[in-house]
Amino acid sequence: MAASPCSQPSRLAPRSQMMKRSPPAVPSPPRPVQMERHLVRPPPTCPEPSCLPLDGGASHIVTRDVWLRVFTSLSHRELCVCMRVCRTWSRWCCDKRLWTQIDLSHQRSITPPMLSGIIRRQPVSLNLGYTNISKKQLMWLINRLQGLLELNVCGCAWPVVSALCQAVCPCLRLLDLSRVEDLKDSHLRELLAPPPDTRTAHGETRAGRFQNVTELRLAGLDLTDASSRLLVRYVPHLVRLDLSQCGNITDQTVLTLTSPISPLRESLTHINLAGCVKVTEQCVSLLRRCSSLQTVDLRSCSLLSSETGQLLSFPSHNSSSSSSATVASSSSCPPEDRTLMKNS
């Protein structure tokens, strides 16, 4: 005999149990790159010990200072091999005097151990051009290199380079932003201008974030003449300026840089305008205003004559009263420089 419907267990769960069911699982976003959490300290000026200990308890006859002189003739790759010999050599090979320049350009990946190694060595010059470093990694790194003088981030994307907008680099002297992807005038303003909360009591903005930079490379960027006003206002100590291959730069940029109120009129010594196809002959007469200007690169400027569109040398005002620009003499230059002076 079949059981009555009332005696069979109900297949439908009570409504209260259905309400308590958890929602379907949502896939979590990818976890960000985890930085090393331990404290990274740079090595002391003179890493211990002063002598190389031997197995018998004695010390090697060659002292630390002599070993460091030997290490200075080795490449960075060879120094990394020496660090595996013993603990003492590992300490000595991390001496920051052996790592004043670190070049990681075109590296396929920048790992946290590599960043920690950079912090330990405290380089003066760092090249991160054309790497896949992330914004978080760059921000973590720059804020721990207070003695950095030269930084190269050419070829990186602007979302990565924008980490510099939150960094403090008081010692930086050279900044290479050449061919940074998607960098526009508005981005350059965000990068060079001081933070919005750094205003004086009278409402005047303080100096720019990179006010002490003396060499700025902006080659191959999609910049306009508006960027020249940013340079005059926020980078007043520029000595070398590279605007090569900036196709939207015109004579207005040169006029702004050499105006009577521009501090760059007295500080600039080298300007690279090669490949700026909108620059005309008028820029040469404007460049004569710069009292310290030594060389101007005007090659591959299609609107200039063959005589003007070369590497121009401006005589010193102290040695010559004439202020006219002349083409650099090929007899006083090495052969490789003579090739450079030819029209591209």
Protein backbone atom coordinates (compact mmCIF):
# COMPACT_ATOMS: atom_id res chain seq x y z
CA MET A 1 0.00 0.00 0.00
CA ALA A 2 1.41 3.39 -0.96
CA ALA A 3 2.08 5.83 1.83
CA SER A 4 -0.17 8.78 2.11
CA PRO A 5 1.13 12.17 0.94
CA CYS A 6 1.11 13.41 4.50
CA SER A 7 3.50 10.70 5.65
CA GLN A 8 6.13 11.41 2.96
CA PRO A 9 8.93 13.88 3.85
CA SER A 10 8.50 17.17 2.08
CA ARG A 11 11.06 17.84 -0.62
CA LEU A 12 10.66 21.58 -0.27
CA ALA A 13 12.70 23.16 2.51
CA PRO A 14 10.94 25.54 4.87
CA ARG A 15 10.89 29.18 3.83
CA SER A 16 13.01 30.19 6.82
CA GLN A 17 15.77 27.81 5.70
CA MET A 18 15.66 29.12 2.16
CA MET A 19 16.17 32.66 3.44
CA LYS A 20 19.26 31.58 5.36
CA ARG A 21 21.00 30.13 2.34
CA SER A 22 24.22 31.98 1.46
CA PRO A 23 24.38 33.83 -1.85
CA PRO A 24 26.36 32.27 -4.68
CA ALA A 25 30.11 32.65 -4.37
CA VAL A 26 31.56 35.60 -6.25
CA PRO A 27 35.12 35.16 -7.57
CA SER A 28 37.49 37.36 -5.64
CA PRO A 29 39.64 39.86 -7.51
CA PRO A 30 43.30 38.99 -8.13
CA ARG A 31 45.49 39.63 -5.15
CA PRO A 32 47.86 42.58 -5.55
CA VAL A 33 51.60 42.14 -5.59
CA GLN A 34 52.67 41.64 -2.00
CA MET A 35 55.63 43.75 -0.96
CA GLU A 36 58.10 42.51 1.58
CA ARG A 37 56.88 43.37 5.06
CA HIS A 38 60.21 43.24 6.86
CA LEU A 39 62.28 46.35 7.41
CA VAL A 40 65.03 46.85 4.82
CA ARG A 41 68.03 48.77 6.10
CA PRO A 42 70.95 49.96 3.95
CA PRO A 43 74.38 48.65 4.95
CA PRO A 44 76.68 50.80 7.11
CA THR A 45 79.31 52.98 5.50
CA CYS A 46 82.06 50.50 6.39
CA PRO A 47 80.55 47.00 6.59
CA GLU A 48 81.93 44.80 9.33
CA PRO A 49 84.28 43.06 9.87
CA SER A 50 87.44 44.93 8.95
CA CYS A 51 89.33 41.70 8.16
CA LEU A 52 88.39 38.41 6.56
CA PRO A 53 88.28 35.67 9.25
CA LEU A 54 89.80 32.29 8.38
CA ASP A 55 88.89 28.81 9.61
CA GLY A 56 91.83 28.60 11.99
CA GLY A 57 90.75 31.70 13.88
CA ALA A 58 93.27 34.02 12.24
CA SER A 59 92.50 36.82 9.80
CA HIS A 60 93.42 37.13 6.15
CA ILE A 61 96.40 39.35 5.43
CA VAL A 62 94.34 41.44 2.97
CA THR A 63 92.16 43.97 4.79
CA ARG A 64 88.65 45.11 3.91
CA ASP A 65 89.76 48.34 2.22
CA VAL A 66 92.04 46.42 -0.13
CA TRP A 67 89.28 43.96 -0.97
CA LEU A 68 86.93 46.84 -1.75
CA ARG A 69 89.46 48.23 -4.22
CA VAL A 70 89.44 44.86 -5.95
CA PHE A 71 85.66 44.75 -5.96
CA THR A 72 85.45 48.13 -7.67
CA SER A 73 86.88 46.59 -10.85
CA LEU A 74 84.13 43.94 -10.99
CA SER A 75 80.79 44.15 -12.71
CA HIS A 76 77.53 43.95 -10.81
CA ARG A 77 77.00 40.39 -12.00
CA GLU A 78 80.45 39.42 -10.74
CA LEU A 79 79.76 41.09 -7.40
CA CYS A 80 76.64 38.97 -7.00
CA VAL A 81 78.78 35.87 -7.53
CA CYS A 82 81.27 37.06 -4.90
CA MET A 83 78.44 37.53 -2.41
CA ARG A 84 77.93 33.74 -2.43
CA VAL A 85 81.49 32.99 -1.30
CA CYS A 86 81.06 33.74 2.39
CA ARG A 87 79.12 35.93 4.78
CA THR A 88 81.92 38.50 5.05
CA TRP A 89 82.16 38.97 1.31
CA SER A 90 78.38 39.20 1.15
CA ARG A 91 78.50 42.18 3.52
CA TRP A 92 81.41 43.83 1.76
CA CYS A 93 79.94 43.44 -1.73
CA CYS A 94 76.80 45.31 -0.60
CA ASP A 95 78.83 48.44 0.07
CA LYS A 96 76.86 51.25 -1.56
CA ARG A 97 80.08 52.68 -3.00
CA LEU A 98 80.11 49.69 -5.36
CA TRP A 99 76.51 50.28 -6.47
CA THR A 100 76.30 53.99 -7.28
CA GLN A 101 74.57 53.15 -10.57
CA ILE A 102 71.99 50.39 -10.97
CA ASP A 103 70.57 49.63 -14.42
CA LEU A 104 67.48 47.41 -14.56
CA SER A 105 66.25 48.65 -17.93
CA HIS A 106 64.41 46.16 -20.14
CA GLN A 107 64.03 43.68 -17.28
CA ARG A 108 61.07 41.38 -17.85
CA SER A 109 59.99 41.41 -14.20
CA ILE A 110 60.79 43.44 -11.11
CA THR A 111 60.47 41.24 -8.04
CA PRO A 112 60.28 42.24 -4.35
CA PRO A 113 63.77 40.78 -3.63
CA MET A 114 65.17 43.02 -6.37
CA LEU A 115 63.53 46.06 -4.77
CA SER A 116 64.93 45.12 -1.36
CA GLY A 117 68.37 44.77 -2.92
CA ILE A 118 68.11 48.27 -4.37
CA ILE A 119 67.19 49.68 -0.97
CA ARG A 120 70.15 47.97 0.68
CA ARG A 121 72.57 49.41 -1.86
CA GLN A 122 71.15 52.97 -1.97
CA PRO A 123 72.22 53.87 -5.54
CA VAL A 124 72.76 57.40 -6.77
CA SER A 125 71.54 56.61 -10.29
CA LEU A 126 68.66 54.20 -11.03
CA ASN A 127 67.47 53.15 -14.49
CA LEU A 128 64.03 51.51 -14.65
CA GLY A 129 63.40 52.27 -18.31
CA TYR A 130 61.16 49.93 -20.28
CA THR A 131 60.38 47.65 -17.33
CA ASN A 132 57.05 46.32 -16.09
CA ILE A 133 57.43 47.80 -12.62
CA SER A 134 54.07 48.56 -11.01
CA LYS A 135 52.91 51.83 -9.48
CA LYS A 136 52.92 50.33 -5.99
CA GLN A 137 56.46 49.03 -6.42
CA LEU A 138 57.75 52.36 -7.72
CA MET A 139 56.13 54.30 -4.89
CA TRP A 140 57.54 51.89 -2.29
CA LEU A 141 60.99 52.17 -3.84
CA ILE A 142 61.32 55.92 -4.41
CA ASN A 143 60.23 56.87 -0.91
CA ARG A 144 63.15 54.83 0.46
CA LEU A 145 65.87 56.32 -1.78
CA GLN A 146 66.30 59.77 -0.30
CA GLY A 147 69.80 60.16 -1.78
CA LEU A 148 68.78 59.37 -5.36
CA LEU A 149 70.18 61.87 -7.88
CA GLU A 150 69.21 60.35 -11.24
CA LEU A 151 66.02 58.47 -12.14
CA ASN A 152 65.15 57.00 -15.54
CA VAL A 153 61.60 55.74 -16.14
CA CYS A 154 61.54 56.17 -19.93
CA GLY A 155 59.20 53.90 -21.83
CA CYS A 156 57.02 53.11 -18.80
CA ALA A 157 53.28 53.78 -18.75
CA TRP A 158 51.87 56.92 -17.17
CA PRO A 159 49.76 55.04 -14.57
CA VAL A 160 53.07 53.68 -13.24
CA VAL A 161 55.01 56.95 -13.46
CA SER A 162 52.16 58.74 -11.66
CA ALA A 163 53.56 57.21 -8.46
CA LEU A 164 56.08 60.07 -8.53
CA CYS A 165 53.21 62.46 -7.82
CA GLN A 166 53.15 61.08 -4.28
CA ALA A 167 56.92 60.82 -3.79
CA VAL A 168 59.40 63.24 -2.27
CA CYS A 169 62.78 63.44 -4.03
CA PRO A 170 64.61 66.50 -2.71
CA CYS A 171 68.00 65.40 -4.06
CA LEU A 172 66.91 64.43 -7.57
CA ARG A 173 68.90 66.19 -10.29
CA LEU A 174 68.09 64.19 -13.44
CA LEU A 175 64.65 62.91 -14.43
CA ASP A 176 64.15 60.99 -17.68
CA LEU A 177 60.50 60.80 -18.78
CA SER A 178 61.22 60.15 -22.45
CA ARG A 179 58.54 58.21 -24.32
CA VAL A 180 56.38 57.61 -21.27
CA GLU A 181 53.13 56.19 -22.64
CA ASP A 182 50.09 58.51 -22.60
CA LEU A 183 51.83 61.39 -20.81
CA LYS A 184 50.04 64.65 -21.69
CA ASP A 185 50.27 68.28 -20.57
CA SER A 186 47.81 67.71 -17.73
CA HIS A 187 49.87 64.79 -16.44
CA LEU A 188 53.05 66.84 -16.53
CA ARG A 189 51.33 69.54 -14.48
CA GLU A 190 50.25 66.95 -11.93
CA LEU A 191 53.79 65.64 -11.77
CA LEU A 192 55.69 68.92 -11.48
CA ALA A 193 53.27 71.02 -9.44
CA PRO A 194 53.45 70.93 -5.62
CA PRO A 195 50.78 69.05 -3.71
CA PRO A 196 47.55 71.07 -3.32
CA ASP A 197 47.91 71.26 0.47
CA THR A 198 51.35 72.90 0.37
CA ARG A 199 50.42 76.57 0.28
CA THR A 200 51.85 79.42 2.23
CA ALA A 201 49.90 81.69 4.55
CA HIS A 202 49.46 84.21 1.72
CA GLY A 203 47.94 81.60 -0.59
CA GLU A 204 51.00 81.30 -2.83
CA THR A 205 52.06 77.86 -3.93
CA ARG A 206 55.48 76.65 -2.94
CA ALA A 207 58.13 75.41 -5.33
CA GLY A 208 57.42 72.35 -7.45
CA ARG A 209 58.00 68.78 -6.41
CA PHE A 210 61.13 68.54 -8.59
CA GLN A 211 62.39 72.09 -8.20
CA ASN A 212 66.04 70.99 -7.88
CA VAL A 213 66.13 69.01 -11.13
CA THR A 214 68.79 70.36 -13.48
CA GLU A 215 68.32 67.94 -16.39
CA LEU A 216 64.88 66.95 -17.70
CA ARG A 217 64.32 64.61 -20.64
CA LEU A 218 60.91 64.76 -22.31
CA ALA A 219 61.77 63.27 -25.70
CA GLY A 220 59.01 61.73 -27.78
CA LEU A 221 56.09 62.95 -25.63
CA ASP A 222 52.77 64.30 -26.86
CA LEU A 223 53.31 67.72 -25.28
CA THR A 224 52.22 71.16 -26.47
CA ASP A 225 53.45 74.70 -25.86
CA ALA A 226 51.50 74.77 -22.59
CA SER A 227 54.15 72.56 -21.01
CA SER A 228 56.79 75.26 -21.37
CA ARG A 229 54.94 77.42 -18.84
CA LEU A 230 55.07 74.52 -16.38
CA LEU A 231 58.83 74.23 -16.82
CA VAL A 232 59.36 77.93 -16.21
CA ARG A 233 57.21 77.88 -13.09
CA TYR A 234 58.10 74.60 -11.39
CA VAL A 235 61.62 73.66 -12.64
CA PRO A 236 63.54 76.95 -12.36
CA HIS A 237 67.05 75.45 -12.22
CA LEU A 238 67.08 73.52 -15.49
CA VAL A 239 70.44 73.35 -17.23
CA ARG A 240 69.73 70.66 -19.83
CA LEU A 241 66.34 70.21 -21.51
CA ASP A 242 65.48 67.51 -24.05
CA LEU A 243 62.31 68.11 -26.11
CA SER A 244 63.39 66.11 -29.15
CA GLN A 245 60.72 64.38 -31.24
CA CYS A 246 57.92 66.42 -29.61
CA GLY A 247 55.95 67.08 -32.77
CA ASN A 248 53.57 69.68 -31.28
CA ILE A 249 56.29 72.01 -29.96
CA THR A 250 56.47 75.35 -31.82
CA ASP A 251 58.36 78.63 -31.54
CA GLN A 252 56.00 79.60 -28.73
CA THR A 253 57.81 77.15 -26.43
CA VAL A 254 61.15 78.78 -27.21
CA LEU A 255 59.60 82.21 -26.65
CA THR A 256 58.32 81.16 -23.22
CA LEU A 257 61.62 79.59 -22.15
CA THR A 258 63.62 82.66 -23.16
CA SER A 259 61.24 85.38 -21.99
CA PRO A 260 62.62 88.08 -19.64
CA ILE A 261 60.66 86.68 -16.69
CA SER A 262 61.85 83.12 -17.23
CA PRO A 263 64.60 81.86 -14.88
CA LEU A 264 65.60 79.37 -17.56
CA ARG A 265 66.85 82.23 -19.69
CA GLU A 266 69.95 82.40 -17.50
CA SER A 267 70.31 78.73 -16.51
CA LEU A 268 69.86 76.72 -19.71
CA THR A 269 73.08 75.57 -21.38
CA HIS A 270 71.85 72.72 -23.63
CA ILE A 271 68.52 72.38 -25.47
CA ASN A 272 67.56 69.50 -27.74
CA LEU A 273 64.82 70.32 -30.25
CA ALA A 274 65.72 67.68 -32.83
CA GLY A 275 62.72 66.40 -34.72
CA CYS A 276 60.41 69.25 -33.63
CA VAL A 277 58.92 69.71 -37.10
CA LYS A 278 56.92 72.84 -36.20
CA VAL A 279 59.93 74.90 -35.12
CA THR A 280 60.95 77.65 -37.59
CA GLU A 281 63.92 79.93 -38.20
CA GLN A 282 62.56 82.39 -35.64
CA CYS A 283 63.61 80.11 -32.77
CA VAL A 284 67.31 80.79 -33.46
CA SER A 285 66.96 84.51 -32.80
CA LEU A 286 64.96 83.73 -29.66
CA LEU A 287 67.61 81.35 -28.38
CA ARG A 288 70.20 84.10 -28.56
CA ARG A 289 68.59 85.61 -25.46
CA CYS A 290 69.98 82.81 -23.29
CA SER A 291 73.23 84.09 -21.83
CA SER A 292 74.56 80.66 -20.80
CA LEU A 293 73.41 78.65 -23.79
CA GLN A 294 76.16 76.51 -25.34
CA THR A 295 74.55 74.03 -27.75
CA VAL A 296 71.18 73.62 -29.46
CA ASP A 297 70.24 70.53 -31.46
CA LEU A 298 67.96 71.48 -34.35
CA ARG A 299 68.49 68.50 -36.60
CA SER A 300 65.56 66.97 -38.48
CA CYS A 301 63.53 70.19 -38.16
CA SER A 302 61.92 70.28 -41.59
CA LEU A 303 61.06 74.01 -41.51
CA LEU A 304 64.69 75.05 -40.99
CA SER A 305 67.29 75.58 -43.68
CA SER A 306 70.14 73.12 -44.13
CA GLU A 307 72.57 75.56 -42.48
CA THR A 308 70.39 76.18 -39.43
CA GLY A 309 69.08 72.65 -38.97
CA GLN A 310 72.24 71.33 -37.38
CA LEU A 311 73.92 71.15 -34.00
CA LEU A 312 74.44 74.83 -33.20
CA SER A 313 77.10 76.15 -30.87
CA PHE A 314 76.59 79.49 -29.15
CA PRO A 315 79.83 81.34 -28.31
CA SER A 316 80.37 82.26 -24.69
CA HIS A 317 79.42 85.85 -23.83
CA ASN A 318 82.58 86.18 -21.80
CA SER A 319 84.93 85.17 -24.57
CA SER A 320 83.18 86.82 -27.48
CA SER A 321 80.99 89.88 -27.76
CA SER A 322 79.15 88.43 -30.71
CA SER A 323 75.86 86.73 -29.83
CA SER A 324 75.20 85.07 -33.17
CA ALA A 325 74.87 81.29 -33.36
CA THR A 326 77.43 79.35 -35.36
CA VAL A 327 77.61 75.76 -36.49
CA ALA A 328 80.07 73.80 -34.34
CA SER A 329 83.41 73.45 -36.05
CA SER A 330 84.11 69.91 -37.19
CA SER A 331 87.87 70.37 -36.86
CA SER A 332 87.63 70.72 -33.06
CA CYS A 333 85.35 67.71 -32.54
CA PRO A 334 86.11 64.00 -32.48
CA PRO A 335 84.98 61.96 -35.49
CA GLU A 336 81.86 60.63 -33.75
CA ASP A 337 80.71 64.21 -33.02
CA ARG A 338 81.24 65.24 -36.63
CA THR A 339 78.78 62.57 -37.68
CA LEU A 340 76.23 63.88 -35.21
CA MET A 341 76.47 67.39 -36.61
CA LYS A 342 75.39 66.26 -40.06
CA ASN A 343 71.76 66.62 -41.03
CA SER A 344 69.72 63.57 -40.15
